[in-house]
Amino acid sequence: MCIFKNMMKYTPVLCITLVFSFAISTEDLDWSGEELNCVDELKLDKKSIHALNKQFITPEDNDDFNNFVECYWKKKGIQHQNGEIDFHKLDELLLIELLKEYGTGIDESASIVAQIFENALSACKQRCIRGKSHGQTAVKVQNCIAREVQSAFMADF
């Protein structure tokens, strides 16, 4: 009973994790203009990018996907032109996603989700993650955050 209660309480963590894959849409109709621009600019196969993006932990060695994430993150201001990740901007975008999910009435569940993401961002920032390219760095940071959120969610059960 207690586990079920916790699961219901923290279900939003899983939901927001699935909703927020750093605003890279998983449904064809939900792709933003920036995403579509990146696919077009880089001449990528949209179906391949879509399939990779549906994975909770994405491959870090796929050059096309890395280039796509780099392009999108730079357009959103999450990654600077020199490859550095702007964790403050990432935090802002996470807050925007939380507000979209929960509205302005942030309740206890939303506060917990926000704290889990804050902790994940902090942990990943401290690791000074670097890849072989700007895109690989972005994907590694994205995966780090996903793993941290998953770990926090699983630690409660």
C-alpha atoms as a PDB file:
ATOM      1  CA  MET A   1       0.000   0.000   0.000  1.00  0.00           C
ATOM      2  CA  CYS A   2       2.777   2.445   0.887  1.00  0.00           C
ATOM      3  CA  ILE A   3       4.633   1.687  -2.345  1.00  0.00           C
ATOM      4  CA  PHE A   4       1.451   2.263  -4.358  1.00  0.00           C
ATOM      5  CA  LYS A   5       0.901   5.567  -2.560  1.00  0.00           C
ATOM      6  CA  ASN A   6       4.440   6.678  -3.421  1.00  0.00           C
ATOM      7  CA  MET A   7       4.032   5.505  -6.983  1.00  0.00           C
ATOM      8  CA  MET A   8       0.894   7.602  -7.400  1.00  0.00           C
ATOM      9  CA  LYS A   9       2.585  10.561  -5.738  1.00  0.00           C
ATOM     10  CA  TYR A  10       5.639  10.407  -8.000  1.00  0.00           C
ATOM     11  CA  THR A  11       3.970   9.327 -11.237  1.00  0.00           C
ATOM     12  CA  PRO A  12       4.376  12.910 -12.481  1.00  0.00           C
ATOM     13  CA  VAL A  13       8.153  12.395 -12.345  1.00  0.00           C
ATOM     14  CA  LEU A  14       7.893   9.669 -14.928  1.00  0.00           C
ATOM     15  CA  CYS A  15       5.338  11.613 -16.962  1.00  0.00           C
ATOM     16  CA  ILE A  16       7.354  14.802 -17.108  1.00  0.00           C
ATOM     17  CA  THR A  17      10.481  12.804 -17.945  1.00  0.00           C
ATOM     18  CA  LEU A  18       8.692  11.318 -20.902  1.00  0.00           C
ATOM     19  CA  VAL A  19       7.145  14.648 -21.885  1.00  0.00           C
ATOM     20  CA  PHE A  20      10.416  16.488 -21.589  1.00  0.00           C
ATOM     21  CA  SER A  21      13.130  14.974 -23.654  1.00  0.00           C
ATOM     22  CA  PHE A  22      14.557  18.488 -23.848  1.00  0.00           C
ATOM     23  CA  ALA A  23      11.622  19.551 -25.962  1.00  0.00           C
ATOM     24  CA  ILE A  24      12.507  17.210 -28.781  1.00  0.00           C
ATOM     25  CA  SER A  25       9.103  15.940 -29.843  1.00  0.00           C
ATOM     26  CA  THR A  26       8.345  12.287 -30.331  1.00  0.00           C
ATOM     27  CA  GLU A  27       5.191  12.697 -32.402  1.00  0.00           C
ATOM     28  CA  ASP A  28       5.410  13.829 -35.979  1.00  0.00           C
ATOM     29  CA  LEU A  29       2.866  16.608 -35.588  1.00  0.00           C
ATOM     30  CA  ASP A  30       4.521  17.993 -32.468  1.00  0.00           C
ATOM     31  CA  TRP A  31       7.893  18.810 -34.003  1.00  0.00           C
ATOM     32  CA  SER A  32       8.786  22.455 -33.492  1.00  0.00           C
ATOM     33  CA  GLY A  33      10.008  24.756 -36.209  1.00  0.00           C
ATOM     34  CA  GLU A  34      13.542  24.551 -34.808  1.00  0.00           C
ATOM     35  CA  GLU A  35      13.479  20.761 -34.906  1.00  0.00           C
ATOM     36  CA  LEU A  36      12.220  20.670 -38.466  1.00  0.00           C
ATOM     37  CA  ASN A  37      14.797  23.298 -39.454  1.00  0.00           C
ATOM     38  CA  CYS A  38      17.569  21.159 -37.976  1.00  0.00           C
ATOM     39  CA  VAL A  39      16.350  18.050 -39.816  1.00  0.00           C
ATOM     40  CA  ASP A  40      16.222  20.021 -43.071  1.00  0.00           C
ATOM     41  CA  GLU A  41      19.498  21.916 -42.560  1.00  0.00           C
ATOM     42  CA  LEU A  42      21.381  18.734 -41.734  1.00  0.00           C
ATOM     43  CA  LYS A  43      19.537  16.691 -44.391  1.00  0.00           C
ATOM     44  CA  LEU A  44      18.625  14.015 -41.846  1.00  0.00           C
ATOM     45  CA  ASP A  45      16.110  11.212 -42.082  1.00  0.00           C
ATOM     46  CA  LYS A  46      13.212  12.339 -39.909  1.00  0.00           C
ATOM     47  CA  LYS A  47      12.048   8.777 -39.174  1.00  0.00           C
ATOM     48  CA  SER A  48      15.514   7.779 -37.946  1.00  0.00           C
ATOM     49  CA  ILE A  49      15.764  10.807 -35.668  1.00  0.00           C
ATOM     50  CA  HIS A  50      12.233  10.121 -34.413  1.00  0.00           C
ATOM     51  CA  ALA A  51      13.101   6.484 -33.619  1.00  0.00           C
ATOM     52  CA  LEU A  52      16.282   7.436 -31.751  1.00  0.00           C
ATOM     53  CA  ASN A  53      14.526  10.165 -29.831  1.00  0.00           C
ATOM     54  CA  LYS A  54      11.879   7.759 -28.513  1.00  0.00           C
ATOM     55  CA  GLN A  55      14.571   5.996 -26.504  1.00  0.00           C
ATOM     56  CA  PHE A  56      14.860   7.016 -22.861  1.00  0.00           C
ATOM     57  CA  ILE A  57      18.658   6.838 -23.032  1.00  0.00           C
ATOM     58  CA  THR A  58      19.768   7.795 -26.508  1.00  0.00           C
ATOM     59  CA  PRO A  59      22.859   6.484 -28.294  1.00  0.00           C
ATOM     60  CA  GLU A  60      25.884   8.699 -27.825  1.00  0.00           C
ATOM     61  CA  ASP A  61      27.746   7.456 -30.890  1.00  0.00           C
ATOM     62  CA  ASN A  62      25.214   8.282 -33.619  1.00  0.00           C
ATOM     63  CA  ASP A  63      26.626  11.268 -35.511  1.00  0.00           C
ATOM     64  CA  ASP A  64      23.306  12.200 -37.141  1.00  0.00           C
ATOM     65  CA  PHE A  65      21.444  12.231 -33.835  1.00  0.00           C
ATOM     66  CA  ASN A  66      24.302  14.082 -32.113  1.00  0.00           C
ATOM     67  CA  ASN A  67      24.261  16.715 -34.852  1.00  0.00           C
ATOM     68  CA  PHE A  68      20.488  17.041 -34.563  1.00  0.00           C
ATOM     69  CA  VAL A  69      20.586  17.538 -30.773  1.00  0.00           C
ATOM     70  CA  GLU A  70      23.473  20.005 -31.116  1.00  0.00           C
ATOM     71  CA  CYS A  71      21.578  22.001 -33.732  1.00  0.00           C
ATOM     72  CA  TYR A  72      18.391  22.061 -31.675  1.00  0.00           C
ATOM     73  CA  TRP A  73      20.104  22.864 -28.369  1.00  0.00           C
ATOM     74  CA  LYS A  74      22.014  25.732 -29.989  1.00  0.00           C
ATOM     75  CA  LYS A  75      18.827  27.117 -31.532  1.00  0.00           C
ATOM     76  CA  LYS A  76      17.154  26.970 -28.083  1.00  0.00           C
ATOM     77  CA  GLY A  77      20.196  28.552 -26.397  1.00  0.00           C
ATOM     78  CA  ILE A  78      20.919  25.479 -24.280  1.00  0.00           C
ATOM     79  CA  GLN A  79      24.330  25.056 -25.868  1.00  0.00           C
ATOM     80  CA  HIS A  80      26.646  27.922 -26.806  1.00  0.00           C
ATOM     81  CA  GLN A  81      28.508  28.037 -30.108  1.00  0.00           C
ATOM     82  CA  ASN A  82      31.680  26.925 -28.291  1.00  0.00           C
ATOM     83  CA  GLY A  83      29.899  23.753 -27.118  1.00  0.00           C
ATOM     84  CA  GLU A  84      29.408  24.800 -23.496  1.00  0.00           C
ATOM     85  CA  ILE A  85      26.068  23.820 -21.969  1.00  0.00           C
ATOM     86  CA  ASP A  86      24.029  26.648 -20.448  1.00  0.00           C
ATOM     87  CA  PHE A  87      22.588  24.841 -17.435  1.00  0.00           C
ATOM     88  CA  HIS A  88      20.740  27.983 -16.370  1.00  0.00           C
ATOM     89  CA  LYS A  89      18.889  28.065 -19.712  1.00  0.00           C
ATOM     90  CA  LEU A  90      18.246  24.330 -19.460  1.00  0.00           C
ATOM     91  CA  ASP A  91      16.767  24.892 -16.008  1.00  0.00           C
ATOM     92  CA  GLU A  92      14.526  27.654 -17.407  1.00  0.00           C
ATOM     93  CA  LEU A  93      13.271  25.374 -20.182  1.00  0.00           C
ATOM     94  CA  LEU A  94      12.556  22.629 -17.659  1.00  0.00           C
ATOM     95  CA  LEU A  95      10.507  25.092 -15.622  1.00  0.00           C
ATOM     96  CA  ILE A  96       8.555  26.060 -18.737  1.00  0.00           C
ATOM     97  CA  GLU A  97       7.823  22.378 -19.395  1.00  0.00           C
ATOM     98  CA  LEU A  98       6.696  21.910 -15.789  1.00  0.00           C
ATOM     99  CA  LEU A  99       4.371  24.891 -16.079  1.00  0.00           C
ATOM    100  CA  LYS A 100       2.946  23.487 -19.318  1.00  0.00           C
ATOM    101  CA  GLU A 101       2.355  20.167 -17.585  1.00  0.00           C
ATOM    102  CA  TYR A 102       0.982  21.482 -14.288  1.00  0.00           C
ATOM    103  CA  GLY A 103      -0.153  25.034 -14.986  1.00  0.00           C
ATOM    104  CA  THR A 104       0.608  27.880 -12.641  1.00  0.00           C
ATOM    105  CA  GLY A 105      -0.748  26.044  -9.597  1.00  0.00           C
ATOM    106  CA  ILE A 106       2.413  24.181  -8.657  1.00  0.00           C
ATOM    107  CA  ASP A 107       1.417  21.487  -6.187  1.00  0.00           C
ATOM    108  CA  GLU A 108       3.486  19.102  -4.098  1.00  0.00           C
ATOM    109  CA  SER A 109       4.010  16.657  -6.977  1.00  0.00           C
ATOM    110  CA  ALA A 110       5.227  19.401  -9.291  1.00  0.00           C
ATOM    111  CA  SER A 111       7.557  20.702  -6.586  1.00  0.00           C
ATOM    112  CA  ILE A 112       9.006  17.217  -6.159  1.00  0.00           C
ATOM    113  CA  VAL A 113       9.491  16.882  -9.906  1.00  0.00           C
ATOM    114  CA  ALA A 114      11.168  20.293 -10.041  1.00  0.00           C
ATOM    115  CA  GLN A 115      13.510  19.341  -7.188  1.00  0.00           C
ATOM    116  CA  ILE A 116      14.426  16.043  -8.852  1.00  0.00           C
ATOM    117  CA  PHE A 117      15.326  17.882 -12.056  1.00  0.00           C
ATOM    118  CA  GLU A 118      17.263  20.547 -10.125  1.00  0.00           C
ATOM    119  CA  ASN A 119      19.280  17.797  -8.441  1.00  0.00           C
ATOM    120  CA  ALA A 120      19.837  16.021 -11.762  1.00  0.00           C
ATOM    121  CA  LEU A 121      21.016  19.219 -13.448  1.00  0.00           C
ATOM    122  CA  SER A 122      23.350  19.985 -10.571  1.00  0.00           C
ATOM    123  CA  ALA A 123      24.838  16.485 -10.579  1.00  0.00           C
ATOM    124  CA  CYS A 124      25.411  16.527 -14.324  1.00  0.00           C
ATOM    125  CA  LYS A 125      26.855  20.045 -14.299  1.00  0.00           C
ATOM    126  CA  GLN A 126      29.383  19.018 -11.634  1.00  0.00           C
ATOM    127  CA  ARG A 127      30.588  16.152 -13.833  1.00  0.00           C
ATOM    128  CA  CYS A 128      31.847  18.565 -16.518  1.00  0.00           C
ATOM    129  CA  ILE A 129      30.665  16.165 -19.228  1.00  0.00           C
ATOM    130  CA  ARG A 130      32.488  16.389 -22.546  1.00  0.00           C
ATOM    131  CA  GLY A 131      32.101  14.463 -25.749  1.00  0.00           C
ATOM    132  CA  LYS A 132      34.138  14.194 -28.930  1.00  0.00           C
ATOM    133  CA  SER A 133      31.877  16.831 -30.518  1.00  0.00           C
ATOM    134  CA  HIS A 134      29.431  19.486 -29.372  1.00  0.00           C
ATOM    135  CA  GLY A 135      26.578  17.168 -30.335  1.00  0.00           C
ATOM    136  CA  GLN A 136      27.960  14.250 -28.378  1.00  0.00           C
ATOM    137  CA  THR A 137      28.399  16.527 -25.366  1.00  0.00           C
ATOM    138  CA  ALA A 138      24.725  17.545 -25.592  1.00  0.00           C
ATOM    139  CA  VAL A 139      23.559  13.940 -25.871  1.00  0.00           C
ATOM    140  CA  LYS A 140      25.790  12.859 -22.976  1.00  0.00           C
ATOM    141  CA  VAL A 141      24.341  15.637 -20.795  1.00  0.00           C
ATOM    142  CA  GLN A 142      20.822  14.690 -21.862  1.00  0.00           C
ATOM    143  CA  ASN A 143      21.501  11.047 -20.947  1.00  0.00           C
ATOM    144  CA  CYS A 144      23.094  12.058 -17.647  1.00  0.00           C
ATOM    145  CA  ILE A 145      19.966  13.978 -16.672  1.00  0.00           C
ATOM    146  CA  ALA A 146      17.719  11.100 -17.745  1.00  0.00           C
ATOM    147  CA  ARG A 147      19.763   8.636 -15.670  1.00  0.00           C
ATOM    148  CA  GLU A 148      19.755  10.935 -12.626  1.00  0.00           C
ATOM    149  CA  VAL A 149      15.989  11.409 -12.838  1.00  0.00           C
ATOM    150  CA  GLN A 150      15.460   7.687 -13.312  1.00  0.00           C
ATOM    151  CA  SER A 151      17.725   6.949 -10.350  1.00  0.00           C
ATOM    152  CA  ALA A 152      15.854   9.422  -8.123  1.00  0.00           C
ATOM    153  CA  PHE A 153      12.532   7.946  -9.163  1.00  0.00           C
ATOM    154  CA  MET A 154      13.668   4.375  -8.520  1.00  0.00           C
ATOM    155  CA  ALA A 155      15.282   5.258  -5.179  1.00  0.00           C
ATOM    156  CA  ASP A 156      11.860   6.033  -3.780  1.00  0.00           C
ATOM    157  CA  PHE A 157      10.632   2.479  -4.314  1.00  0.00           C
END
